[in-house]
Amino acid sequence: VHDRTHDTDPDAFAQLAPRIVGVAANGESRVSRELLARLPNAKVVSVFGVGYDGVDVVAAIETGKLVGHTPDVLTDDVADLAMGLVLSVGRAIPQADQFVRAGRWPSGPMALGRKVSGARLGIVGLGRIGRAIAQRALGFGMSVAYTARSEKADSGFRFFPTPAALAAEVDFLVVITPGGAGTKHLINADVLKALGPRGFLINVARGS
């Protein structure tokens, strides 16, 4: 096992490269075309995470390398975090914590937060994690709607054709999409305008 030798010791890596048979990466790793070209005998790029947008998949295919990932491993964790953020921003929990820590509470109460139960939740991307978020939202009595590349007839939730159309109808807009060029600028000024000054944007999508 050679840990990032291509970054830390390029000369040593040049000697090792022909003997390397696989690349292990996490969701933040960058496995470029250049790196893959230097690994003539590698057979696989294995990502121990959900996202693989840091891997040049086209280059991997061209050089005969399989790319794998673990799509279900973090579904519940990300969905839990998304709902935690909805509650946190709606109920102003970080602001309340700062209010107390700064010693401002003796001077009077802070402003009330926004009710989450019964609010309208919009989900951008209804894949595995999007569906898990929806199930949690139903537990809070929220109405759920979504937008995605295509309508999911079996979802039971209202579909909107664009993020802007969805944003105009919800209180909380949760984004859970893949990364990469295909979703770049998906949430733009039009979406934010449609969400409005009293809406909340929760982003648990891929970092790219």
N, C-alpha and C. Protein backbone atom coordinates (compact mmCIF):
# COMPACT_ATOMS: atom_id res chain seq x y z
N VAL A 1 0.85 -1.18 0.00
CA VAL A 1 0.00 0.00 0.00
C VAL A 1 0.89 1.24 0.00
N HIS A 2 0.63 2.14 -0.89
CA HIS A 2 1.42 3.37 -1.01
C HIS A 2 0.46 4.55 -0.89
N ASP A 3 0.63 5.32 0.18
CA ASP A 3 -0.31 6.38 0.53
C ASP A 3 0.11 7.71 -0.11
N ARG A 4 -0.55 8.08 -1.20
CA ARG A 4 -0.36 9.36 -1.87
C ARG A 4 1.11 9.62 -2.28
N THR A 5 1.81 8.55 -2.61
CA THR A 5 3.21 8.69 -3.00
C THR A 5 3.36 9.57 -4.24
N HIS A 6 2.35 9.57 -5.09
CA HIS A 6 2.43 10.40 -6.31
C HIS A 6 2.51 11.88 -5.97
N ASP A 7 2.02 12.26 -4.78
CA ASP A 7 2.12 13.65 -4.33
C ASP A 7 3.38 13.90 -3.50
N THR A 8 3.70 12.94 -2.62
CA THR A 8 4.78 13.18 -1.64
C THR A 8 6.17 12.85 -2.17
N ASP A 9 6.26 11.91 -3.11
CA ASP A 9 7.58 11.50 -3.62
C ASP A 9 7.44 11.06 -5.07
N PRO A 10 7.37 12.00 -6.00
CA PRO A 10 7.15 11.67 -7.41
C PRO A 10 8.20 10.72 -7.99
N ASP A 11 9.44 10.85 -7.56
CA ASP A 11 10.49 9.97 -8.08
C ASP A 11 10.25 8.53 -7.67
N ALA A 12 9.91 8.33 -6.40
CA ALA A 12 9.61 6.97 -5.93
C ALA A 12 8.37 6.43 -6.63
N PHE A 13 7.38 7.31 -6.85
CA PHE A 13 6.15 6.87 -7.51
C PHE A 13 6.42 6.39 -8.93
N ALA A 14 7.33 7.05 -9.62
CA ALA A 14 7.66 6.65 -10.99
C ALA A 14 8.16 5.21 -11.03
N GLN A 15 8.87 4.80 -9.97
CA GLN A 15 9.35 3.43 -9.90
C GLN A 15 8.23 2.46 -9.52
N LEU A 16 7.33 2.92 -8.67
CA LEU A 16 6.24 2.07 -8.18
C LEU A 16 5.11 1.88 -9.20
N ALA A 17 4.86 2.90 -9.99
CA ALA A 17 3.65 2.97 -10.81
C ALA A 17 3.36 1.71 -11.62
N PRO A 18 4.33 1.10 -12.29
CA PRO A 18 4.01 -0.09 -13.08
C PRO A 18 3.54 -1.28 -12.25
N ARG A 19 3.81 -1.28 -10.92
CA ARG A 19 3.43 -2.40 -10.07
C ARG A 19 2.09 -2.19 -9.38
N ILE A 20 1.52 -0.99 -9.50
CA ILE A 20 0.25 -0.68 -8.82
C ILE A 20 -0.91 -1.28 -9.60
N VAL A 21 -1.76 -2.04 -8.87
CA VAL A 21 -2.87 -2.73 -9.53
C VAL A 21 -4.23 -2.11 -9.21
N GLY A 22 -4.29 -1.20 -8.24
CA GLY A 22 -5.57 -0.59 -7.91
C GLY A 22 -5.39 0.72 -7.17
N VAL A 23 -6.41 1.57 -7.23
CA VAL A 23 -6.41 2.86 -6.55
C VAL A 23 -7.60 2.88 -5.59
N ALA A 24 -7.33 3.17 -4.31
CA ALA A 24 -8.39 3.36 -3.33
C ALA A 24 -8.54 4.85 -3.08
N ALA A 25 -9.76 5.34 -3.10
CA ALA A 25 -10.00 6.78 -2.98
C ALA A 25 -11.22 7.02 -2.12
N ASN A 26 -11.29 8.22 -1.51
CA ASN A 26 -12.51 8.60 -0.82
C ASN A 26 -13.26 9.62 -1.68
N GLY A 27 -14.35 10.13 -1.16
CA GLY A 27 -15.20 11.01 -1.96
C GLY A 27 -14.57 12.33 -2.34
N GLU A 28 -13.49 12.71 -1.63
CA GLU A 28 -12.83 13.98 -1.92
C GLU A 28 -11.58 13.80 -2.78
N SER A 29 -11.20 12.57 -3.05
CA SER A 29 -9.97 12.32 -3.80
C SER A 29 -10.09 12.78 -5.25
N ARG A 30 -8.95 13.16 -5.81
CA ARG A 30 -8.88 13.52 -7.22
C ARG A 30 -8.05 12.47 -7.95
N VAL A 31 -8.72 11.71 -8.79
CA VAL A 31 -8.05 10.68 -9.59
C VAL A 31 -8.15 11.15 -11.03
N SER A 32 -7.11 11.82 -11.47
CA SER A 32 -7.13 12.52 -12.76
C SER A 32 -6.73 11.62 -13.92
N ARG A 33 -6.96 12.11 -15.12
CA ARG A 33 -6.52 11.43 -16.33
C ARG A 33 -5.00 11.24 -16.31
N GLU A 34 -4.30 12.27 -15.85
CA GLU A 34 -2.83 12.20 -15.79
C GLU A 34 -2.38 11.08 -14.86
N LEU A 35 -3.00 10.99 -13.68
CA LEU A 35 -2.63 9.94 -12.74
C LEU A 35 -2.93 8.56 -13.32
N LEU A 36 -4.10 8.40 -13.90
CA LEU A 36 -4.48 7.11 -14.47
C LEU A 36 -3.53 6.69 -15.58
N ALA A 37 -3.08 7.65 -16.37
CA ALA A 37 -2.16 7.35 -17.47
C ALA A 37 -0.82 6.82 -16.97
N ARG A 38 -0.48 7.16 -15.73
CA ARG A 38 0.79 6.72 -15.15
C ARG A 38 0.68 5.34 -14.49
N LEU A 39 -0.50 4.73 -14.55
CA LEU A 39 -0.75 3.44 -13.91
C LEU A 39 -1.18 2.40 -14.96
N PRO A 40 -0.26 1.95 -15.78
CA PRO A 40 -0.63 1.09 -16.91
C PRO A 40 -1.22 -0.26 -16.51
N ASN A 41 -0.91 -0.74 -15.31
CA ASN A 41 -1.37 -2.07 -14.90
C ASN A 41 -2.47 -2.04 -13.84
N ALA A 42 -2.93 -0.85 -13.52
CA ALA A 42 -4.05 -0.75 -12.57
C ALA A 42 -5.34 -1.23 -13.22
N LYS A 43 -6.14 -1.94 -12.45
CA LYS A 43 -7.39 -2.52 -12.98
C LYS A 43 -8.64 -1.86 -12.41
N VAL A 44 -8.51 -1.16 -11.28
CA VAL A 44 -9.71 -0.68 -10.61
C VAL A 44 -9.43 0.61 -9.84
N VAL A 45 -10.43 1.47 -9.79
CA VAL A 45 -10.45 2.62 -8.89
C VAL A 45 -11.64 2.41 -7.97
N SER A 46 -11.39 2.19 -6.69
CA SER A 46 -12.44 1.87 -5.73
C SER A 46 -12.63 3.04 -4.77
N VAL A 47 -13.81 3.66 -4.83
CA VAL A 47 -14.11 4.82 -3.98
C VAL A 47 -14.92 4.35 -2.78
N PHE A 48 -14.39 4.54 -1.58
CA PHE A 48 -15.14 4.17 -0.38
C PHE A 48 -15.93 5.40 0.08
N GLY A 49 -16.97 5.68 -0.64
CA GLY A 49 -17.85 6.81 -0.41
C GLY A 49 -18.90 6.82 -1.50
N VAL A 50 -19.80 7.80 -1.42
CA VAL A 50 -20.90 7.88 -2.37
C VAL A 50 -20.47 8.57 -3.67
N GLY A 51 -19.83 9.73 -3.53
CA GLY A 51 -19.50 10.52 -4.71
C GLY A 51 -18.21 10.08 -5.37
N TYR A 52 -18.21 10.06 -6.69
CA TYR A 52 -17.00 9.72 -7.43
C TYR A 52 -16.71 10.78 -8.50
N ASP A 53 -17.22 12.01 -8.27
CA ASP A 53 -17.00 13.07 -9.26
C ASP A 53 -15.56 13.54 -9.31
N GLY A 54 -14.72 13.11 -8.35
CA GLY A 54 -13.30 13.43 -8.41
C GLY A 54 -12.52 12.49 -9.30
N VAL A 55 -13.17 11.44 -9.78
CA VAL A 55 -12.52 10.45 -10.64
C VAL A 55 -12.84 10.78 -12.10
N ASP A 56 -11.82 10.79 -12.93
CA ASP A 56 -12.04 10.97 -14.37
C ASP A 56 -12.51 9.63 -14.92
N VAL A 57 -13.82 9.42 -14.89
CA VAL A 57 -14.40 8.13 -15.26
C VAL A 57 -14.15 7.82 -16.74
N VAL A 58 -14.25 8.82 -17.58
CA VAL A 58 -14.02 8.61 -19.02
C VAL A 58 -12.60 8.09 -19.25
N ALA A 59 -11.63 8.71 -18.58
CA ALA A 59 -10.24 8.28 -18.72
C ALA A 59 -10.05 6.86 -18.18
N ALA A 60 -10.75 6.55 -17.09
CA ALA A 60 -10.64 5.20 -16.52
C ALA A 60 -11.17 4.16 -17.50
N ILE A 61 -12.31 4.44 -18.10
CA ILE A 61 -12.88 3.51 -19.07
C ILE A 61 -11.96 3.34 -20.26
N GLU A 62 -11.41 4.45 -20.74
CA GLU A 62 -10.52 4.39 -21.91
C GLU A 62 -9.28 3.54 -21.64
N THR A 63 -8.84 3.49 -20.39
CA THR A 63 -7.64 2.73 -20.06
C THR A 63 -7.97 1.38 -19.41
N GLY A 64 -9.24 0.96 -19.49
CA GLY A 64 -9.63 -0.37 -19.03
C GLY A 64 -9.71 -0.54 -17.53
N LYS A 65 -9.96 0.53 -16.81
CA LYS A 65 -10.04 0.45 -15.35
C LYS A 65 -11.50 0.57 -14.90
N LEU A 66 -11.94 -0.32 -14.04
CA LEU A 66 -13.28 -0.25 -13.48
C LEU A 66 -13.32 0.78 -12.36
N VAL A 67 -14.46 1.45 -12.23
CA VAL A 67 -14.66 2.42 -11.15
C VAL A 67 -15.84 1.96 -10.30
N GLY A 68 -15.63 1.86 -9.00
CA GLY A 68 -16.70 1.45 -8.10
C GLY A 68 -16.86 2.44 -6.96
N HIS A 69 -18.04 2.45 -6.35
CA HIS A 69 -18.28 3.30 -5.18
C HIS A 69 -19.27 2.59 -4.27
N THR A 70 -19.61 3.22 -3.13
CA THR A 70 -20.48 2.59 -2.14
C THR A 70 -21.71 3.47 -1.93
N PRO A 71 -22.70 3.38 -2.81
CA PRO A 71 -23.80 4.35 -2.83
C PRO A 71 -24.73 4.34 -1.64
N ASP A 72 -24.82 3.25 -0.89
CA ASP A 72 -25.79 3.19 0.22
C ASP A 72 -25.18 3.47 1.58
N VAL A 73 -23.87 3.58 1.65
CA VAL A 73 -23.21 3.55 2.95
C VAL A 73 -23.53 4.77 3.82
N LEU A 74 -23.83 5.92 3.22
CA LEU A 74 -24.07 7.13 4.00
C LEU A 74 -25.49 7.69 3.83
N THR A 75 -26.39 6.91 3.27
CA THR A 75 -27.74 7.41 3.01
C THR A 75 -28.40 7.96 4.28
N ASP A 76 -28.43 7.15 5.33
CA ASP A 76 -29.09 7.59 6.56
C ASP A 76 -28.36 8.75 7.20
N ASP A 77 -27.04 8.73 7.17
CA ASP A 77 -26.27 9.80 7.81
C ASP A 77 -26.53 11.16 7.16
N VAL A 78 -26.55 11.18 5.82
CA VAL A 78 -26.78 12.44 5.13
C VAL A 78 -28.22 12.90 5.31
N ALA A 79 -29.16 11.96 5.28
CA ALA A 79 -30.57 12.32 5.49
C ALA A 79 -30.78 12.86 6.90
N ASP A 80 -30.14 12.24 7.89
CA ASP A 80 -30.24 12.75 9.27
C ASP A 80 -29.67 14.16 9.35
N LEU A 81 -28.52 14.37 8.72
CA LEU A 81 -27.89 15.68 8.75
C LEU A 81 -28.79 16.73 8.08
N ALA A 82 -29.40 16.37 6.96
CA ALA A 82 -30.28 17.30 6.26
C ALA A 82 -31.42 17.76 7.17
N MET A 83 -32.05 16.81 7.86
CA MET A 83 -33.14 17.18 8.76
C MET A 83 -32.62 17.95 9.96
N GLY A 84 -31.42 17.61 10.42
CA GLY A 84 -30.82 18.38 11.50
C GLY A 84 -30.61 19.83 11.10
N LEU A 85 -30.20 20.05 9.87
CA LEU A 85 -30.00 21.41 9.38
C LEU A 85 -31.32 22.15 9.19
N VAL A 86 -32.35 21.42 8.73
CA VAL A 86 -33.68 22.04 8.61
C VAL A 86 -34.15 22.53 9.98
N LEU A 87 -34.05 21.67 10.98
CA LEU A 87 -34.44 22.07 12.33
C LEU A 87 -33.56 23.19 12.86
N SER A 88 -32.28 23.09 12.59
CA SER A 88 -31.33 24.06 13.11
C SER A 88 -31.59 25.46 12.56
N VAL A 89 -31.79 25.55 11.24
CA VAL A 89 -32.00 26.86 10.64
C VAL A 89 -33.41 27.38 10.90
N GLY A 90 -34.39 26.47 10.91
CA GLY A 90 -35.76 26.89 11.16
C GLY A 90 -35.96 27.39 12.58
N ARG A 91 -35.39 26.68 13.54
CA ARG A 91 -35.55 27.04 14.94
C ARG A 91 -34.43 27.96 15.44
N ALA A 92 -33.53 28.37 14.55
CA ALA A 92 -32.43 29.29 14.89
C ALA A 92 -31.58 28.76 16.04
N ILE A 93 -31.27 27.48 16.02
CA ILE A 93 -30.52 26.87 17.11
C ILE A 93 -29.09 27.42 17.22
N PRO A 94 -28.33 27.57 16.12
CA PRO A 94 -27.00 28.16 16.27
C PRO A 94 -27.04 29.59 16.82
N GLN A 95 -28.01 30.37 16.37
CA GLN A 95 -28.15 31.75 16.86
C GLN A 95 -28.50 31.76 18.34
N ALA A 96 -29.36 30.83 18.76
CA ALA A 96 -29.73 30.76 20.18
C ALA A 96 -28.53 30.38 21.03
N ASP A 97 -27.72 29.45 20.53
CA ASP A 97 -26.51 29.05 21.25
C ASP A 97 -25.57 30.24 21.40
N GLN A 98 -25.38 31.00 20.33
CA GLN A 98 -24.52 32.18 20.39
C GLN A 98 -25.10 33.24 21.35
N PHE A 99 -26.42 33.37 21.32
CA PHE A 99 -27.11 34.34 22.17
C PHE A 99 -26.82 34.07 23.66
N VAL A 100 -26.89 32.77 24.03
CA VAL A 100 -26.63 32.40 25.42
C VAL A 100 -25.15 32.54 25.75
N ARG A 101 -24.28 32.03 24.88
CA ARG A 101 -22.84 32.06 25.15
C ARG A 101 -22.31 33.49 25.25
N ALA A 102 -22.92 34.41 24.50
CA ALA A 102 -22.48 35.80 24.54
C ALA A 102 -23.04 36.55 25.74
N GLY A 103 -23.88 35.88 26.53
CA GLY A 103 -24.43 36.50 27.73
C GLY A 103 -25.49 37.55 27.46
N ARG A 104 -26.18 37.42 26.33
CA ARG A 104 -27.19 38.43 25.99
C ARG A 104 -28.57 38.11 26.56
N TRP A 105 -28.76 36.89 27.11
CA TRP A 105 -30.10 36.49 27.55
C TRP A 105 -30.67 37.31 28.70
N PRO A 106 -29.86 37.88 29.62
CA PRO A 106 -30.50 38.67 30.69
C PRO A 106 -31.17 39.94 30.18
N SER A 107 -30.78 40.40 28.99
CA SER A 107 -31.32 41.66 28.47
C SER A 107 -32.66 41.49 27.76
N GLY A 108 -33.13 40.26 27.64
CA GLY A 108 -34.41 40.04 26.99
C GLY A 108 -34.35 38.85 26.05
N PRO A 109 -35.50 38.36 25.60
CA PRO A 109 -35.52 37.16 24.74
C PRO A 109 -35.06 37.46 23.32
N MET A 110 -34.54 36.43 22.66
CA MET A 110 -34.20 36.56 21.24
C MET A 110 -35.46 36.31 20.41
N ALA A 111 -35.38 36.64 19.14
CA ALA A 111 -36.53 36.48 18.25
C ALA A 111 -36.90 35.01 18.11
N LEU A 112 -38.17 34.73 17.94
CA LEU A 112 -38.64 33.37 17.77
C LEU A 112 -38.18 32.80 16.43
N GLY A 113 -38.01 31.48 16.40
CA GLY A 113 -37.67 30.80 15.15
C GLY A 113 -38.91 30.50 14.34
N ARG A 114 -38.70 29.76 13.24
CA ARG A 114 -39.80 29.41 12.36
C ARG A 114 -40.24 27.98 12.63
N LYS A 115 -41.53 27.74 12.65
CA LYS A 115 -42.03 26.40 12.90
C LYS A 115 -41.64 25.47 11.75
N VAL A 116 -41.15 24.28 12.10
CA VAL A 116 -40.77 23.29 11.10
C VAL A 116 -41.91 22.31 10.85
N SER A 117 -42.53 21.81 11.91
CA SER A 117 -43.65 20.87 11.75
C SER A 117 -44.75 21.50 10.91
N GLY A 118 -45.18 20.74 9.90
CA GLY A 118 -46.24 21.23 9.03
C GLY A 118 -45.78 22.15 7.92
N ALA A 119 -44.48 22.47 7.86
CA ALA A 119 -43.98 23.35 6.81
C ALA A 119 -43.87 22.60 5.49
N ARG A 120 -43.55 23.33 4.45
CA ARG A 120 -43.45 22.76 3.10
C ARG A 120 -41.98 22.53 2.75
N LEU A 121 -41.64 21.27 2.43
CA LEU A 121 -40.27 20.90 2.11
C LEU A 121 -40.16 20.56 0.62
N GLY A 122 -39.17 21.15 -0.03
CA GLY A 122 -38.87 20.82 -1.42
C GLY A 122 -37.53 20.13 -1.49
N ILE A 123 -37.42 19.09 -2.28
CA ILE A 123 -36.18 18.33 -2.42
C ILE A 123 -35.72 18.40 -3.87
N VAL A 124 -34.49 18.84 -4.08
CA VAL A 124 -33.90 18.86 -5.42
C VAL A 124 -33.04 17.62 -5.55
N GLY A 125 -33.57 16.60 -6.22
CA GLY A 125 -32.88 15.34 -6.38
C GLY A 125 -33.51 14.26 -5.52
N LEU A 126 -34.35 13.40 -6.12
CA LEU A 126 -35.06 12.39 -5.33
C LEU A 126 -34.46 11.00 -5.59
N GLY A 127 -33.16 10.88 -5.29
CA GLY A 127 -32.51 9.58 -5.33
C GLY A 127 -32.64 8.89 -3.99
N ARG A 128 -31.68 8.03 -3.68
CA ARG A 128 -31.74 7.28 -2.42
C ARG A 128 -31.81 8.22 -1.22
N ILE A 129 -30.90 9.20 -1.20
CA ILE A 129 -30.85 10.09 -0.04
C ILE A 129 -32.05 11.02 -0.03
N GLY A 130 -32.46 11.51 -1.20
CA GLY A 130 -33.63 12.38 -1.27
C GLY A 130 -34.87 11.70 -0.72
N ARG A 131 -35.04 10.43 -1.05
CA ARG A 131 -36.20 9.69 -0.53
C ARG A 131 -36.10 9.50 0.99
N ALA A 132 -34.89 9.28 1.49
CA ALA A 132 -34.70 9.12 2.93
C ALA A 132 -35.02 10.43 3.65
N ILE A 133 -34.64 11.55 3.06
CA ILE A 133 -34.98 12.86 3.64
C ILE A 133 -36.49 13.05 3.66
N ALA A 134 -37.14 12.68 2.56
CA ALA A 134 -38.60 12.82 2.47
C ALA A 134 -39.30 12.03 3.57
N GLN A 135 -38.85 10.81 3.84
CA GLN A 135 -39.47 9.99 4.88
C GLN A 135 -39.31 10.64 6.26
N ARG A 136 -38.18 11.24 6.50
CA ARG A 136 -37.98 11.93 7.78
C ARG A 136 -38.87 13.16 7.88
N ALA A 137 -39.01 13.88 6.77
CA ALA A 137 -39.85 15.08 6.77
C ALA A 137 -41.31 14.72 7.04
N LEU A 138 -41.75 13.59 6.53
CA LEU A 138 -43.13 13.17 6.78
C LEU A 138 -43.37 12.97 8.28
N GLY A 139 -42.34 12.55 9.00
CA GLY A 139 -42.45 12.38 10.45
C GLY A 139 -42.69 13.69 11.18
N PHE A 140 -42.34 14.80 10.53
CA PHE A 140 -42.60 16.13 11.09
C PHE A 140 -43.88 16.75 10.52
N GLY A 141 -44.66 15.93 9.83
CA GLY A 141 -45.90 16.43 9.27
C GLY A 141 -45.70 17.43 8.14
N MET A 142 -44.54 17.42 7.51
CA MET A 142 -44.26 18.35 6.42
C MET A 142 -44.87 17.83 5.12
N SER A 143 -45.28 18.75 4.27
CA SER A 143 -45.65 18.36 2.91
C SER A 143 -44.36 18.30 2.10
N VAL A 144 -44.27 17.33 1.20
CA VAL A 144 -43.03 17.10 0.45
C VAL A 144 -43.30 17.20 -1.04
N ALA A 145 -42.46 17.97 -1.73
CA ALA A 145 -42.48 18.05 -3.19
C ALA A 145 -41.04 17.95 -3.66
N TYR A 146 -40.84 17.75 -4.96
CA TYR A 146 -39.48 17.55 -5.44
C TYR A 146 -39.33 17.95 -6.90
N THR A 147 -38.08 18.08 -7.30
CA THR A 147 -37.74 18.17 -8.71
C THR A 147 -36.56 17.24 -8.94
N ALA A 148 -36.47 16.72 -10.14
CA ALA A 148 -35.40 15.79 -10.50
C ALA A 148 -35.29 15.77 -12.02
N ARG A 149 -34.33 15.01 -12.52
CA ARG A 149 -34.16 14.94 -13.98
C ARG A 149 -35.40 14.36 -14.65
N SER A 150 -36.12 13.51 -13.93
CA SER A 150 -37.36 12.94 -14.46
C SER A 150 -38.31 12.69 -13.30
N GLU A 151 -39.60 12.63 -13.60
CA GLU A 151 -40.61 12.40 -12.57
C GLU A 151 -40.54 10.96 -12.08
N LYS A 152 -40.66 10.77 -10.77
CA LYS A 152 -40.65 9.44 -10.16
C LYS A 152 -42.10 9.07 -9.86
N ALA A 153 -42.70 8.29 -10.74
CA ALA A 153 -44.13 8.01 -10.65
C ALA A 153 -44.51 7.30 -9.36
N ASP A 154 -43.56 6.57 -8.76
CA ASP A 154 -43.88 5.78 -7.56
C ASP A 154 -43.61 6.55 -6.26
N SER A 155 -43.22 7.81 -6.34
CA SER A 155 -42.79 8.52 -5.14
C SER A 155 -43.95 8.92 -4.23
N GLY A 156 -45.08 9.27 -4.84
CA GLY A 156 -46.20 9.77 -4.05
C GLY A 156 -46.09 11.24 -3.70
N PHE A 157 -45.06 11.91 -4.20
CA PHE A 157 -44.85 13.32 -3.91
C PHE A 157 -45.08 14.16 -5.17
N ARG A 158 -45.42 15.42 -4.96
CA ARG A 158 -45.69 16.32 -6.07
C ARG A 158 -44.39 16.67 -6.80
N PHE A 159 -44.43 16.61 -8.12
CA PHE A 159 -43.26 16.87 -8.95
C PHE A 159 -43.33 18.25 -9.58
N PHE A 160 -42.19 18.96 -9.59
CA PHE A 160 -42.07 20.23 -10.29
C PHE A 160 -40.97 20.09 -11.34
N PRO A 161 -41.15 20.69 -12.51
CA PRO A 161 -40.19 20.47 -13.60
C PRO A 161 -38.85 21.17 -13.42
N THR A 162 -38.80 22.22 -12.60
CA THR A 162 -37.55 22.97 -12.42
C THR A 162 -37.34 23.31 -10.94
N PRO A 163 -36.09 23.55 -10.55
CA PRO A 163 -35.84 23.99 -9.17
C PRO A 163 -36.53 25.31 -8.83
N ALA A 164 -36.60 26.23 -9.79
CA ALA A 164 -37.24 27.53 -9.52
C ALA A 164 -38.74 27.35 -9.26
N ALA A 165 -39.39 26.51 -10.05
CA ALA A 165 -40.82 26.25 -9.84
C ALA A 165 -41.06 25.62 -8.48
N LEU A 166 -40.19 24.71 -8.08
CA LEU A 166 -40.30 24.08 -6.77
C LEU A 166 -40.05 25.10 -5.65
N ALA A 167 -39.01 25.90 -5.81
CA ALA A 167 -38.63 26.86 -4.76
C ALA A 167 -39.77 27.83 -4.45
N ALA A 168 -40.55 28.18 -5.46
CA ALA A 168 -41.64 29.14 -5.26
C ALA A 168 -42.75 28.58 -4.39
N GLU A 169 -42.76 27.26 -4.18
CA GLU A 169 -43.88 26.62 -3.47
C GLU A 169 -43.49 26.02 -2.12
N VAL A 170 -42.26 26.27 -1.65
CA VAL A 170 -41.82 25.62 -0.42
C VAL A 170 -41.23 26.63 0.57
N ASP A 171 -41.10 26.17 1.81
CA ASP A 171 -40.47 26.96 2.86
C ASP A 171 -39.00 26.59 3.03
N PHE A 172 -38.72 25.30 2.86
CA PHE A 172 -37.35 24.77 2.97
C PHE A 172 -37.01 24.05 1.67
N LEU A 173 -35.89 24.39 1.07
CA LEU A 173 -35.45 23.76 -0.17
C LEU A 173 -34.16 23.00 0.12
N VAL A 174 -34.21 21.68 0.04
CA VAL A 174 -33.05 20.83 0.32
C VAL A 174 -32.47 20.33 -0.99
N VAL A 175 -31.18 20.56 -1.19
CA VAL A 175 -30.50 20.15 -2.42
C VAL A 175 -29.66 18.92 -2.13
N ILE A 176 -29.93 17.82 -2.84
CA ILE A 176 -29.17 16.59 -2.68
C ILE A 176 -28.98 15.96 -4.06
N THR A 177 -27.99 16.50 -4.78
CA THR A 177 -27.73 16.09 -6.16
C THR A 177 -26.29 15.61 -6.30
N PRO A 178 -25.97 14.91 -7.39
CA PRO A 178 -24.57 14.59 -7.66
C PRO A 178 -23.79 15.86 -7.95
N GLY A 179 -22.48 15.76 -7.88
CA GLY A 179 -21.63 16.88 -8.25
C GLY A 179 -21.28 16.84 -9.72
N GLY A 180 -20.34 17.70 -10.10
CA GLY A 180 -19.87 17.71 -11.48
C GLY A 180 -20.55 18.74 -12.35
N ALA A 181 -20.17 18.73 -13.62
CA ALA A 181 -20.64 19.74 -14.56
C ALA A 181 -22.15 19.69 -14.77
N GLY A 182 -22.75 18.52 -14.62
CA GLY A 182 -24.17 18.37 -14.90
C GLY A 182 -25.08 19.13 -13.96
N THR A 183 -24.59 19.46 -12.77
CA THR A 183 -25.42 20.19 -11.81
C THR A 183 -24.85 21.57 -11.46
N LYS A 184 -23.80 21.97 -12.16
CA LYS A 184 -23.20 23.28 -11.89
C LYS A 184 -24.22 24.39 -12.17
N HIS A 185 -24.37 25.33 -11.24
CA HIS A 185 -25.30 26.46 -11.34
C HIS A 185 -26.77 26.03 -11.36
N LEU A 186 -27.05 24.81 -10.91
CA LEU A 186 -28.44 24.36 -10.85
C LEU A 186 -29.25 25.24 -9.91
N ILE A 187 -28.63 25.63 -8.79
CA ILE A 187 -29.27 26.57 -7.86
C ILE A 187 -28.67 27.94 -8.15
N ASN A 188 -29.44 28.76 -8.85
CA ASN A 188 -28.95 30.06 -9.32
C ASN A 188 -29.80 31.19 -8.74
N ALA A 189 -29.57 32.39 -9.27
CA ALA A 189 -30.29 33.56 -8.74
C ALA A 189 -31.80 33.42 -8.90
N ASP A 190 -32.25 32.81 -9.99
CA ASP A 190 -33.69 32.63 -10.20
C ASP A 190 -34.30 31.74 -9.12
N VAL A 191 -33.58 30.69 -8.75
CA VAL A 191 -34.08 29.79 -7.71
C VAL A 191 -34.14 30.50 -6.36
N LEU A 192 -33.09 31.25 -6.04
CA LEU A 192 -33.07 31.97 -4.77
C LEU A 192 -34.16 33.04 -4.71
N LYS A 193 -34.39 33.70 -5.83
CA LYS A 193 -35.46 34.70 -5.87
C LYS A 193 -36.83 34.04 -5.67
N ALA A 194 -37.01 32.88 -6.28
CA ALA A 194 -38.28 32.16 -6.14
C ALA A 194 -38.47 31.67 -4.70
N LEU A 195 -37.39 31.27 -4.05
CA LEU A 195 -37.48 30.81 -2.66
C LEU A 195 -37.86 31.96 -1.74
N GLY A 196 -37.36 33.15 -2.05
CA GLY A 196 -37.79 34.34 -1.34
C GLY A 196 -37.02 34.60 -0.06
N PRO A 197 -37.21 35.78 0.51
CA PRO A 197 -36.43 36.19 1.69
C PRO A 197 -36.77 35.43 2.96
N ARG A 198 -37.88 34.72 2.98
CA ARG A 198 -38.27 33.95 4.17
C ARG A 198 -38.08 32.45 3.99
N GLY A 199 -37.55 32.07 2.83
CA GLY A 199 -37.27 30.66 2.59
C GLY A 199 -35.89 30.27 3.07
N PHE A 200 -35.65 28.97 3.21
CA PHE A 200 -34.37 28.46 3.67
C PHE A 200 -33.80 27.48 2.65
N LEU A 201 -32.52 27.61 2.35
CA LEU A 201 -31.83 26.71 1.44
C LEU A 201 -30.90 25.81 2.25
N ILE A 202 -31.08 24.50 2.12
CA ILE A 202 -30.24 23.52 2.80
C ILE A 202 -29.48 22.75 1.73
N ASN A 203 -28.16 22.82 1.74
CA ASN A 203 -27.36 22.14 0.71
C ASN A 203 -26.59 20.98 1.32
N VAL A 204 -26.99 19.77 0.99
CA VAL A 204 -26.24 18.58 1.39
C VAL A 204 -25.80 17.82 0.14
N ALA A 205 -25.66 18.54 -0.96
CA ALA A 205 -25.22 17.94 -2.22
C ALA A 205 -23.71 17.79 -2.24
N ARG A 206 -23.20 17.20 -3.30
CA ARG A 206 -21.76 17.02 -3.46
C ARG A 206 -21.04 18.35 -3.47
N GLY A 207 -19.84 18.37 -2.89
CA GLY A 207 -19.10 19.61 -2.70
C GLY A 207 -18.71 20.32 -3.99
N SER A 208 -18.52 19.58 -5.07
CA SER A 208 -18.09 20.24 -6.32
C SER A 208 -19.20 21.12 -6.86
